[in-house]
PDB file of N, CA and C in Angstrom:
ATOM      1  N   MET A   1       0.844  -1.167   0.000  1.00  0.00           N
ATOM      2  CA  MET A   1       0.000   0.000   0.000  1.00  0.00           C
ATOM      3  C   MET A   1       0.893   1.235   0.000  1.00  0.00           C
ATOM      4  N   ALA A   2       0.652   2.109  -0.944  1.00  0.00           N
ATOM      5  CA  ALA A   2       1.410   3.355  -1.003  1.00  0.00           C
ATOM      6  C   ALA A   2       0.753   4.393  -0.102  1.00  0.00           C
ATOM      7  N   SER A   3       1.387   5.508   0.029  1.00  0.00           N
ATOM      8  CA  SER A   3       0.846   6.565   0.867  1.00  0.00           C
ATOM      9  C   SER A   3      -0.186   7.380   0.099  1.00  0.00           C
ATOM     10  N   ASN A   4      -1.338   7.590   0.713  1.00  0.00           N
ATOM     11  CA  ASN A   4      -2.390   8.461   0.181  1.00  0.00           C
ATOM     12  C   ASN A   4      -2.927   8.032  -1.182  1.00  0.00           C
ATOM     13  N   GLU A   5      -3.232   6.764  -1.331  1.00  0.00           N
ATOM     14  CA  GLU A   5      -3.870   6.245  -2.539  1.00  0.00           C
ATOM     15  C   GLU A   5      -5.380   6.370  -2.406  1.00  0.00           C
ATOM     16  N   THR A   6      -6.075   6.407  -3.557  1.00  0.00           N
ATOM     17  CA  THR A   6      -7.529   6.308  -3.588  1.00  0.00           C
ATOM     18  C   THR A   6      -7.882   5.135  -4.484  1.00  0.00           C
ATOM     19  N   LEU A   7      -8.803   4.300  -4.020  1.00  0.00           N
ATOM     20  CA  LEU A   7      -9.236   3.146  -4.795  1.00  0.00           C
ATOM     21  C   LEU A   7     -10.750   3.189  -4.908  1.00  0.00           C
ATOM     22  N   GLU A   8     -11.254   3.113  -6.149  1.00  0.00           N
ATOM     23  CA  GLU A   8     -12.688   3.085  -6.388  1.00  0.00           C
ATOM     24  C   GLU A   8     -13.122   1.645  -6.627  1.00  0.00           C
ATOM     25  N   VAL A   9     -14.172   1.230  -5.924  1.00  0.00           N
ATOM     26  CA  VAL A   9     -14.680  -0.139  -6.014  1.00  0.00           C
ATOM     27  C   VAL A   9     -16.190  -0.101  -6.186  1.00  0.00           C
ATOM     28  N   LYS A  10     -16.761  -1.262  -6.490  1.00  0.00           N
ATOM     29  CA  LYS A  10     -18.211  -1.409  -6.592  1.00  0.00           C
ATOM     30  C   LYS A  10     -18.694  -2.381  -5.529  1.00  0.00           C
ATOM     31  N   THR A  11     -19.926  -2.229  -5.119  1.00  0.00           N
ATOM     32  CA  THR A  11     -20.533  -3.183  -4.201  1.00  0.00           C
ATOM     33  C   THR A  11     -20.428  -4.576  -4.805  1.00  0.00           C
ATOM     34  N   GLY A  12     -20.000  -5.537  -3.991  1.00  0.00           N
ATOM     35  CA  GLY A  12     -19.848  -6.910  -4.443  1.00  0.00           C
ATOM     36  C   GLY A  12     -18.448  -7.268  -4.892  1.00  0.00           C
ATOM     37  N   ASP A  13     -17.583  -6.258  -5.092  1.00  0.00           N
ATOM     38  CA  ASP A  13     -16.186  -6.533  -5.447  1.00  0.00           C
ATOM     39  C   ASP A  13     -15.469  -7.214  -4.290  1.00  0.00           C
ATOM     40  N   ASP A  14     -14.322  -7.807  -4.585  1.00  0.00           N
ATOM     41  CA  ASP A  14     -13.415  -8.326  -3.561  1.00  0.00           C
ATOM     42  C   ASP A  14     -12.259  -7.347  -3.413  1.00  0.00           C
ATOM     43  N   LEU A  15     -11.692  -7.291  -2.219  1.00  0.00           N
ATOM     44  CA  LEU A  15     -10.612  -6.354  -1.931  1.00  0.00           C
ATOM     45  C   LEU A  15      -9.480  -7.082  -1.231  1.00  0.00           C
ATOM     46  N   PHE A  16      -8.264  -6.797  -1.668  1.00  0.00           N
ATOM     47  CA  PHE A  16      -7.070  -7.344  -1.032  1.00  0.00           C
ATOM     48  C   PHE A  16      -6.148  -6.177  -0.715  1.00  0.00           C
ATOM     49  N   LEU A  17      -5.962  -5.895   0.554  1.00  0.00           N
ATOM     50  CA  LEU A  17      -5.072  -4.825   0.995  1.00  0.00           C
ATOM     51  C   LEU A  17      -3.790  -5.446   1.515  1.00  0.00           C
ATOM     52  N   ASN A  18      -2.667  -5.036   0.956  1.00  0.00           N
ATOM     53  CA  ASN A  18      -1.372  -5.573   1.369  1.00  0.00           C
ATOM     54  C   ASN A  18      -0.515  -4.487   1.991  1.00  0.00           C
ATOM     55  N   CYS A  19       0.110  -4.834   3.084  1.00  0.00           N
ATOM     56  CA  CYS A  19       1.079  -3.972   3.747  1.00  0.00           C
ATOM     57  C   CYS A  19       2.341  -4.815   3.906  1.00  0.00           C
ATOM     58  N   THR A  20       3.036  -5.009   2.797  1.00  0.00           N
ATOM     59  CA  THR A  20       4.197  -5.893   2.772  1.00  0.00           C
ATOM     60  C   THR A  20       5.424  -5.122   3.230  1.00  0.00           C
ATOM     61  N   VAL A  21       6.001  -5.565   4.334  1.00  0.00           N
ATOM     62  CA  VAL A  21       7.167  -4.883   4.896  1.00  0.00           C
ATOM     63  C   VAL A  21       8.239  -5.901   5.254  1.00  0.00           C
ATOM     64  N   TYR A  22       9.469  -5.430   5.227  1.00  0.00           N
ATOM     65  CA  TYR A  22      10.618  -6.253   5.584  1.00  0.00           C
ATOM     66  C   TYR A  22      11.491  -5.439   6.524  1.00  0.00           C
ATOM     67  N   GLY A  23      12.227  -6.114   7.364  1.00  0.00           N
ATOM     68  CA  GLY A  23      13.156  -5.412   8.232  1.00  0.00           C
ATOM     69  C   GLY A  23      13.701  -6.322   9.301  1.00  0.00           C
ATOM     70  N   THR A  24      14.755  -5.855   9.937  1.00  0.00           N
ATOM     71  CA  THR A  24      15.353  -6.557  11.064  1.00  0.00           C
ATOM     72  C   THR A  24      15.503  -5.554  12.192  1.00  0.00           C
ATOM     73  N   PRO A  25      14.863  -5.811  13.305  1.00  0.00           N
ATOM     74  CA  PRO A  25      13.962  -6.935  13.574  1.00  0.00           C
ATOM     75  C   PRO A  25      12.675  -6.839  12.747  1.00  0.00           C
ATOM     76  N   THR A  26      11.980  -7.966  12.639  1.00  0.00           N
ATOM     77  CA  THR A  26      10.755  -8.031  11.851  1.00  0.00           C
ATOM     78  C   THR A  26       9.760  -6.984  12.348  1.00  0.00           C
ATOM     79  N   PRO A  27       9.258  -6.129  11.439  1.00  0.00           N
ATOM     80  CA  PRO A  27       8.308  -5.094  11.852  1.00  0.00           C
ATOM     81  C   PRO A  27       6.967  -5.679  12.295  1.00  0.00           C
ATOM     82  N   THR A  28       6.319  -4.981  13.193  1.00  0.00           N
ATOM     83  CA  THR A  28       4.960  -5.288  13.616  1.00  0.00           C
ATOM     84  C   THR A  28       4.013  -4.449  12.771  1.00  0.00           C
ATOM     85  N   VAL A  29       2.978  -5.083  12.219  1.00  0.00           N
ATOM     86  CA  VAL A  29       2.021  -4.392  11.360  1.00  0.00           C
ATOM     87  C   VAL A  29       0.703  -4.234  12.101  1.00  0.00           C
ATOM     88  N   THR A  30       0.159  -3.031  12.064  1.00  0.00           N
ATOM     89  CA  THR A  30      -1.173  -2.772  12.609  1.00  0.00           C
ATOM     90  C   THR A  30      -1.991  -2.030  11.559  1.00  0.00           C
ATOM     91  N   TRP A  31      -3.293  -2.242  11.588  1.00  0.00           N
ATOM     92  CA  TRP A  31      -4.222  -1.626  10.646  1.00  0.00           C
ATOM     93  C   TRP A  31      -5.218  -0.755  11.388  1.00  0.00           C
ATOM     94  N   MET A  32      -5.652   0.309  10.699  1.00  0.00           N
ATOM     95  CA  MET A  32      -6.708   1.182  11.206  1.00  0.00           C
ATOM     96  C   MET A  32      -7.712   1.385  10.068  1.00  0.00           C
ATOM     97  N   LYS A  33      -8.972   1.578  10.442  1.00  0.00           N
ATOM     98  CA  LYS A  33      -9.993   2.006   9.479  1.00  0.00           C
ATOM     99  C   LYS A  33     -10.679   3.207  10.094  1.00  0.00           C
ATOM    100  N   ASP A  34     -10.610   4.324   9.398  1.00  0.00           N
ATOM    101  CA  ASP A  34     -11.174   5.573   9.911  1.00  0.00           C
ATOM    102  C   ASP A  34     -10.670   5.873  11.321  1.00  0.00           C
ATOM    103  N   ASN A  35      -9.372   5.684  11.515  1.00  0.00           N
ATOM    104  CA  ASN A  35      -8.672   5.953  12.785  1.00  0.00           C
ATOM    105  C   ASN A  35      -9.080   5.043  13.938  1.00  0.00           C
ATOM    106  N   MET A  36      -9.723   3.924  13.633  1.00  0.00           N
ATOM    107  CA  MET A  36     -10.074   2.929  14.655  1.00  0.00           C
ATOM    108  C   MET A  36      -9.256   1.666  14.393  1.00  0.00           C
ATOM    109  N   PRO A  37      -8.652   1.082  15.437  1.00  0.00           N
ATOM    110  CA  PRO A  37      -7.822  -0.111  15.242  1.00  0.00           C
ATOM    111  C   PRO A  37      -8.617  -1.295  14.692  1.00  0.00           C
ATOM    112  N   LEU A  38      -8.001  -2.016  13.759  1.00  0.00           N
ATOM    113  CA  LEU A  38      -8.565  -3.267  13.254  1.00  0.00           C
ATOM    114  C   LEU A  38      -7.715  -4.403  13.814  1.00  0.00           C
ATOM    115  N   THR A  39      -8.339  -5.251  14.600  1.00  0.00           N
ATOM    116  CA  THR A  39      -7.659  -6.417  15.149  1.00  0.00           C
ATOM    117  C   THR A  39      -8.510  -7.639  14.858  1.00  0.00           C
ATOM    118  N   ASN A  40      -7.948  -8.814  15.069  1.00  0.00           N
ATOM    119  CA  ASN A  40      -8.713 -10.046  14.843  1.00  0.00           C
ATOM    120  C   ASN A  40      -9.971 -10.114  15.689  1.00  0.00           C
ATOM    121  N   THR A  41     -10.022  -9.365  16.776  1.00  0.00           N
ATOM    122  CA  THR A  41     -11.191  -9.402  17.655  1.00  0.00           C
ATOM    123  C   THR A  41     -12.165  -8.260  17.388  1.00  0.00           C
ATOM    124  N   SER A  42     -11.868  -7.373  16.439  1.00  0.00           N
ATOM    125  CA  SER A  42     -12.775  -6.257  16.167  1.00  0.00           C
ATOM    126  C   SER A  42     -13.975  -6.735  15.353  1.00  0.00           C
ATOM    127  N   ASP A  43     -15.056  -5.968  15.394  1.00  0.00           N
ATOM    128  CA  ASP A  43     -16.271  -6.306  14.656  1.00  0.00           C
ATOM    129  C   ASP A  43     -16.036  -6.376  13.150  1.00  0.00           C
ATOM    130  N   PHE A  44     -15.008  -5.704  12.664  1.00  0.00           N
ATOM    131  CA  PHE A  44     -14.699  -5.702  11.235  1.00  0.00           C
ATOM    132  C   PHE A  44     -14.449  -7.119  10.721  1.00  0.00           C
ATOM    133  N   PHE A  45     -13.859  -7.968  11.553  1.00  0.00           N
ATOM    134  CA  PHE A  45     -13.531  -9.345  11.163  1.00  0.00           C
ATOM    135  C   PHE A  45     -14.511 -10.347  11.774  1.00  0.00           C
ATOM    136  N   ASP A  46     -15.804 -10.022  11.766  1.00  0.00           N
ATOM    137  CA  ASP A  46     -16.780 -10.861  12.458  1.00  0.00           C
ATOM    138  C   ASP A  46     -17.433 -11.918  11.578  1.00  0.00           C
ATOM    139  N   ASN A  47     -16.967 -12.087  10.350  1.00  0.00           N
ATOM    140  CA  ASN A  47     -17.564 -13.109   9.484  1.00  0.00           C
ATOM    141  C   ASN A  47     -16.501 -13.692   8.562  1.00  0.00           C
ATOM    142  N   GLU A  48     -16.883 -14.694   7.806  1.00  0.00           N
ATOM    143  CA  GLU A  48     -15.937 -15.386   6.929  1.00  0.00           C
ATOM    144  C   GLU A  48     -15.554 -14.566   5.703  1.00  0.00           C
ATOM    145  N   ARG A  49     -16.258 -13.468   5.440  1.00  0.00           N
ATOM    146  CA  ARG A  49     -15.962 -12.654   4.262  1.00  0.00           C
ATOM    147  C   ARG A  49     -14.775 -11.724   4.465  1.00  0.00           C
ATOM    148  N   THR A  50     -14.352 -11.531   5.706  1.00  0.00           N
ATOM    149  CA  THR A  50     -13.273 -10.592   6.006  1.00  0.00           C
ATOM    150  C   THR A  50     -12.214 -11.289   6.844  1.00  0.00           C
ATOM    151  N   VAL A  51     -10.961 -11.306   6.336  1.00  0.00           N
ATOM    152  CA  VAL A  51      -9.897 -12.073   6.984  1.00  0.00           C
ATOM    153  C   VAL A  51      -8.639 -11.216   7.104  1.00  0.00           C
ATOM    154  N   LEU A  52      -7.985 -11.306   8.258  1.00  0.00           N
ATOM    155  CA  LEU A  52      -6.673 -10.713   8.478  1.00  0.00           C
ATOM    156  C   LEU A  52      -5.664 -11.846   8.487  1.00  0.00           C
ATOM    157  N   SER A  53      -4.607 -11.726   7.673  1.00  0.00           N
ATOM    158  CA  SER A  53      -3.599 -12.788   7.609  1.00  0.00           C
ATOM    159  C   SER A  53      -2.903 -12.955   8.952  1.00  0.00           C
ATOM    160  N   ASP A  54      -2.306 -14.122   9.159  1.00  0.00           N
ATOM    161  CA  ASP A  54      -1.630 -14.419  10.426  1.00  0.00           C
ATOM    162  C   ASP A  54      -0.517 -13.429  10.740  1.00  0.00           C
ATOM    163  N   ASP A  55       0.193 -12.973   9.703  1.00  0.00           N
ATOM    164  CA  ASP A  55       1.286 -12.024   9.947  1.00  0.00           C
ATOM    165  C   ASP A  55       0.809 -10.572   9.981  1.00  0.00           C
ATOM    166  N   GLY A  56      -0.501 -10.357   9.750  1.00  0.00           N
ATOM    167  CA  GLY A  56      -1.074  -9.023   9.818  1.00  0.00           C
ATOM    168  C   GLY A  56      -0.816  -8.151   8.613  1.00  0.00           C
ATOM    169  N   GLN A  57      -0.154  -8.669   7.587  1.00  0.00           N
ATOM    170  CA  GLN A  57       0.225  -7.846   6.443  1.00  0.00           C
ATOM    171  C   GLN A  57      -0.824  -7.808   5.329  1.00  0.00           C
ATOM    172  N   ARG A  58      -1.916  -8.562   5.460  1.00  0.00           N
ATOM    173  CA  ARG A  58      -2.906  -8.626   4.382  1.00  0.00           C
ATOM    174  C   ARG A  58      -4.312  -8.700   4.962  1.00  0.00           C
ATOM    175  N   ILE A  59      -5.192  -7.883   4.395  1.00  0.00           N
ATOM    176  CA  ILE A  59      -6.621  -7.945   4.697  1.00  0.00           C
ATOM    177  C   ILE A  59      -7.329  -8.376   3.419  1.00  0.00           C
ATOM    178  N   GLU A  60      -8.188  -9.383   3.538  1.00  0.00           N
ATOM    179  CA  GLU A  60      -9.002  -9.839   2.411  1.00  0.00           C
ATOM    180  C   GLU A  60     -10.463  -9.607   2.759  1.00  0.00           C
ATOM    181  N   VAL A  61     -11.179  -8.963   1.835  1.00  0.00           N
ATOM    182  CA  VAL A  61     -12.607  -8.720   2.024  1.00  0.00           C
ATOM    183  C   VAL A  61     -13.333  -9.236   0.797  1.00  0.00           C
ATOM    184  N   ARG A  62     -14.283 -10.122   0.998  1.00  0.00           N
ATOM    185  CA  ARG A  62     -15.117 -10.651  -0.086  1.00  0.00           C
ATOM    186  C   ARG A  62     -16.461  -9.931  -0.060  1.00  0.00           C
ATOM    187  N   LEU A  63     -16.973  -9.617  -1.230  1.00  0.00           N
ATOM    188  CA  LEU A  63     -18.288  -9.006  -1.382  1.00  0.00           C
ATOM    189  C   LEU A  63     -18.398  -7.700  -0.590  1.00  0.00           C
ATOM    190  N   LEU A  64     -17.677  -6.695  -1.056  1.00  0.00           N
ATOM    191  CA  LEU A  64     -17.668  -5.392  -0.388  1.00  0.00           C
ATOM    192  C   LEU A  64     -19.063  -4.783  -0.288  1.00  0.00           C
ATOM    193  N   ARG A  65     -19.289  -4.091   0.826  1.00  0.00           N
ATOM    194  CA  ARG A  65     -20.526  -3.331   1.033  1.00  0.00           C
ATOM    195  C   ARG A  65     -20.139  -1.930   1.500  1.00  0.00           C
ATOM    196  N   ARG A  66     -20.748  -0.928   0.890  1.00  0.00           N
ATOM    197  CA  ARG A  66     -20.418   0.464   1.211  1.00  0.00           C
ATOM    198  C   ARG A  66     -20.542   0.738   2.707  1.00  0.00           C
ATOM    199  N   GLU A  67     -21.630   0.301   3.315  1.00  0.00           N
ATOM    200  CA  GLU A  67     -21.880   0.640   4.722  1.00  0.00           C
ATOM    201  C   GLU A  67     -20.864   0.007   5.675  1.00  0.00           C
ATOM    202  N   ASP A  68     -20.230  -1.082   5.254  1.00  0.00           N
ATOM    203  CA  ASP A  68     -19.248  -1.756   6.111  1.00  0.00           C
ATOM    204  C   ASP A  68     -17.804  -1.404   5.779  1.00  0.00           C
ATOM    205  N   HIS A  69     -17.522  -1.087   4.525  1.00  0.00           N
ATOM    206  CA  HIS A  69     -16.127  -1.059   4.089  1.00  0.00           C
ATOM    207  C   HIS A  69     -15.615   0.274   3.560  1.00  0.00           C
ATOM    208  N   GLU A  70     -16.486   1.217   3.230  1.00  0.00           N
ATOM    209  CA  GLU A  70     -15.999   2.501   2.726  1.00  0.00           C
ATOM    210  C   GLU A  70     -15.261   3.249   3.833  1.00  0.00           C
ATOM    211  N   GLY A  71     -14.151   3.887   3.483  1.00  0.00           N
ATOM    212  CA  GLY A  71     -13.416   4.670   4.468  1.00  0.00           C
ATOM    213  C   GLY A  71     -11.931   4.717   4.168  1.00  0.00           C
ATOM    214  N   VAL A  72     -11.178   5.166   5.165  1.00  0.00           N
ATOM    215  CA  VAL A  72      -9.730   5.306   5.042  1.00  0.00           C
ATOM    216  C   VAL A  72      -9.054   4.179   5.812  1.00  0.00           C
ATOM    217  N   TYR A  73      -8.235   3.409   5.115  1.00  0.00           N
ATOM    218  CA  TYR A  73      -7.475   2.312   5.711  1.00  0.00           C
ATOM    219  C   TYR A  73      -6.023   2.757   5.851  1.00  0.00           C
ATOM    220  N   THR A  74      -5.463   2.533   7.024  1.00  0.00           N
ATOM    221  CA  THR A  74      -4.077   2.907   7.290  1.00  0.00           C
ATOM    222  C   THR A  74      -3.324   1.697   7.800  1.00  0.00           C
ATOM    223  N   CYS A  75      -2.144   1.496   7.249  1.00  0.00           N
ATOM    224  CA  CYS A  75      -1.252   0.421   7.671  1.00  0.00           C
ATOM    225  C   CYS A  75      -0.044   1.061   8.351  1.00  0.00           C
ATOM    226  N   HIS A  76       0.254   0.619   9.568  1.00  0.00           N
ATOM    227  CA  HIS A  76       1.442   1.075  10.291  1.00  0.00           C
ATOM    228  C   HIS A  76       2.380  -0.116  10.452  1.00  0.00           C
ATOM    229  N   ALA A  77       3.639   0.068  10.114  1.00  0.00           N
ATOM    230  CA  ALA A  77       4.645  -0.976  10.328  1.00  0.00           C
ATOM    231  C   ALA A  77       5.788  -0.355  11.114  1.00  0.00           C
ATOM    232  N   LYS A  78       6.165  -1.032  12.209  1.00  0.00           N
ATOM    233  CA  LYS A  78       7.255  -0.463  13.001  1.00  0.00           C
ATOM    234  C   LYS A  78       8.100  -1.551  13.641  1.00  0.00           C
ATOM    235  N   ASN A  79       9.348  -1.202  13.824  1.00  0.00           N
ATOM    236  CA  ASN A  79      10.271  -1.967  14.647  1.00  0.00           C
ATOM    237  C   ASN A  79      11.119  -0.940  15.394  1.00  0.00           C
ATOM    238  N   ARG A  80      12.130  -1.376  16.091  1.00  0.00           N
ATOM    239  CA  ARG A  80      12.900  -0.413  16.891  1.00  0.00           C
ATOM    240  C   ARG A  80      13.753   0.511  16.035  1.00  0.00           C
ATOM    241  N   VAL A  81      13.859   0.219  14.734  1.00  0.00           N
ATOM    242  CA  VAL A  81      14.683   1.020  13.836  1.00  0.00           C
ATOM    243  C   VAL A  81      13.865   2.062  13.066  1.00  0.00           C
ATOM    244  N   ASN A  82      12.629   1.726  12.682  1.00  0.00           N
ATOM    245  CA  ASN A  82      11.877   2.585  11.775  1.00  0.00           C
ATOM    246  C   ASN A  82      10.377   2.439  11.982  1.00  0.00           C
ATOM    247  N   PHE A  83       9.626   3.405  11.430  1.00  0.00           N
ATOM    248  CA  PHE A  83       8.169   3.412  11.453  1.00  0.00           C
ATOM    249  C   PHE A  83       7.702   3.939  10.100  1.00  0.00           C
ATOM    250  N   VAL A  84       6.842   3.170   9.408  1.00  0.00           N
ATOM    251  CA  VAL A  84       6.302   3.613   8.119  1.00  0.00           C
ATOM    252  C   VAL A  84       4.790   3.463   8.122  1.00  0.00           C
ATOM    253  N   THR A  85       4.137   4.278   7.292  1.00  0.00           N
ATOM    254  CA  THR A  85       2.685   4.284   7.211  1.00  0.00           C
ATOM    255  C   THR A  85       2.256   4.319   5.752  1.00  0.00           C
ATOM    256  N   GLY A  86       1.202   3.563   5.429  1.00  0.00           N
ATOM    257  CA  GLY A  86       0.560   3.636   4.128  1.00  0.00           C
ATOM    258  C   GLY A  86      -0.916   3.913   4.347  1.00  0.00           C
ATOM    259  N   LYS A  87      -1.529   4.643   3.421  1.00  0.00           N
ATOM    260  CA  LYS A  87      -2.932   5.024   3.602  1.00  0.00           C
ATOM    261  C   LYS A  87      -3.680   4.853   2.293  1.00  0.00           C
ATOM    262  N   LEU A  88      -4.930   4.372   2.389  1.00  0.00           N
ATOM    263  CA  LEU A  88      -5.771   4.154   1.222  1.00  0.00           C
ATOM    264  C   LEU A  88      -7.175   4.640   1.520  1.00  0.00           C
ATOM    265  N   GLN A  89      -7.716   5.460   0.632  1.00  0.00           N
ATOM    266  CA  GLN A  89      -9.112   5.896   0.708  1.00  0.00           C
ATOM    267  C   GLN A  89      -9.922   4.975  -0.194  1.00  0.00           C
ATOM    268  N   LEU A  90     -10.856   4.220   0.385  1.00  0.00           N
ATOM    269  CA  LEU A  90     -11.702   3.305  -0.375  1.00  0.00           C
ATOM    270  C   LEU A  90     -13.049   3.981  -0.601  1.00  0.00           C
ATOM    271  N   THR A  91     -13.395   4.213  -1.874  1.00  0.00           N
ATOM    272  CA  THR A  91     -14.667   4.841  -2.209  1.00  0.00           C
ATOM    273  C   THR A  91     -15.439   3.946  -3.169  1.00  0.00           C
ATOM    274  N   PHE A  92     -16.747   4.055  -3.107  1.00  0.00           N
ATOM    275  CA  PHE A  92     -17.618   3.229  -3.936  1.00  0.00           C
ATOM    276  C   PHE A  92     -18.159   4.046  -5.100  1.00  0.00           C
ATOM    277  N   VAL A  93     -18.223   3.407  -6.261  1.00  0.00           N
ATOM    278  CA  VAL A  93     -18.807   4.015  -7.451  1.00  0.00           C
ATOM    279  C   VAL A  93     -20.010   3.175  -7.854  1.00  0.00           C
ATOM    280  N   SER A  94     -20.893   3.754  -8.637  1.00  0.00           N
ATOM    281  CA  SER A  94     -22.073   3.024  -9.097  1.00  0.00           C
ATOM    282  C   SER A  94     -21.654   1.900 -10.019  1.00  0.00           C
ATOM    283  N   GLY A  95     -22.234   0.719  -9.817  1.00  0.00           N
ATOM    284  CA  GLY A  95     -21.905  -0.442 -10.642  1.00  0.00           C
ATOM    285  C   GLY A  95     -22.858  -0.588 -11.801  1.00  0.00           C
ATOM    286  N   GLN A  96     -22.469  -1.390 -12.755  1.00  0.00           N
ATOM    287  CA  GLN A  96     -23.303  -1.665 -13.926  1.00  0.00           C
ATOM    288  C   GLN A  96     -24.181  -2.853 -13.639  1.00  0.00           C
TER     289      GLN A  96
END
């Protein structure tokens, strides 16, 4: 995920958000949606359509819905050496 991207999607699309990072020591990845933390225990991941990878670097969403998924997604990766952030604005467009 690059910094300050905008992605237009349609209802029913699938979404794959990647925050691929490397470093020594291995960076810790955290996600936010609209400035709220996304964790495996948050309501965002309450069904089989939305999955956070074991290493935290990938979010998969099947069958997007505007009311659940539109917003700003932020990926933070940090270790004791560095801290980086990527941000994506997810907006919905009318589908055919």
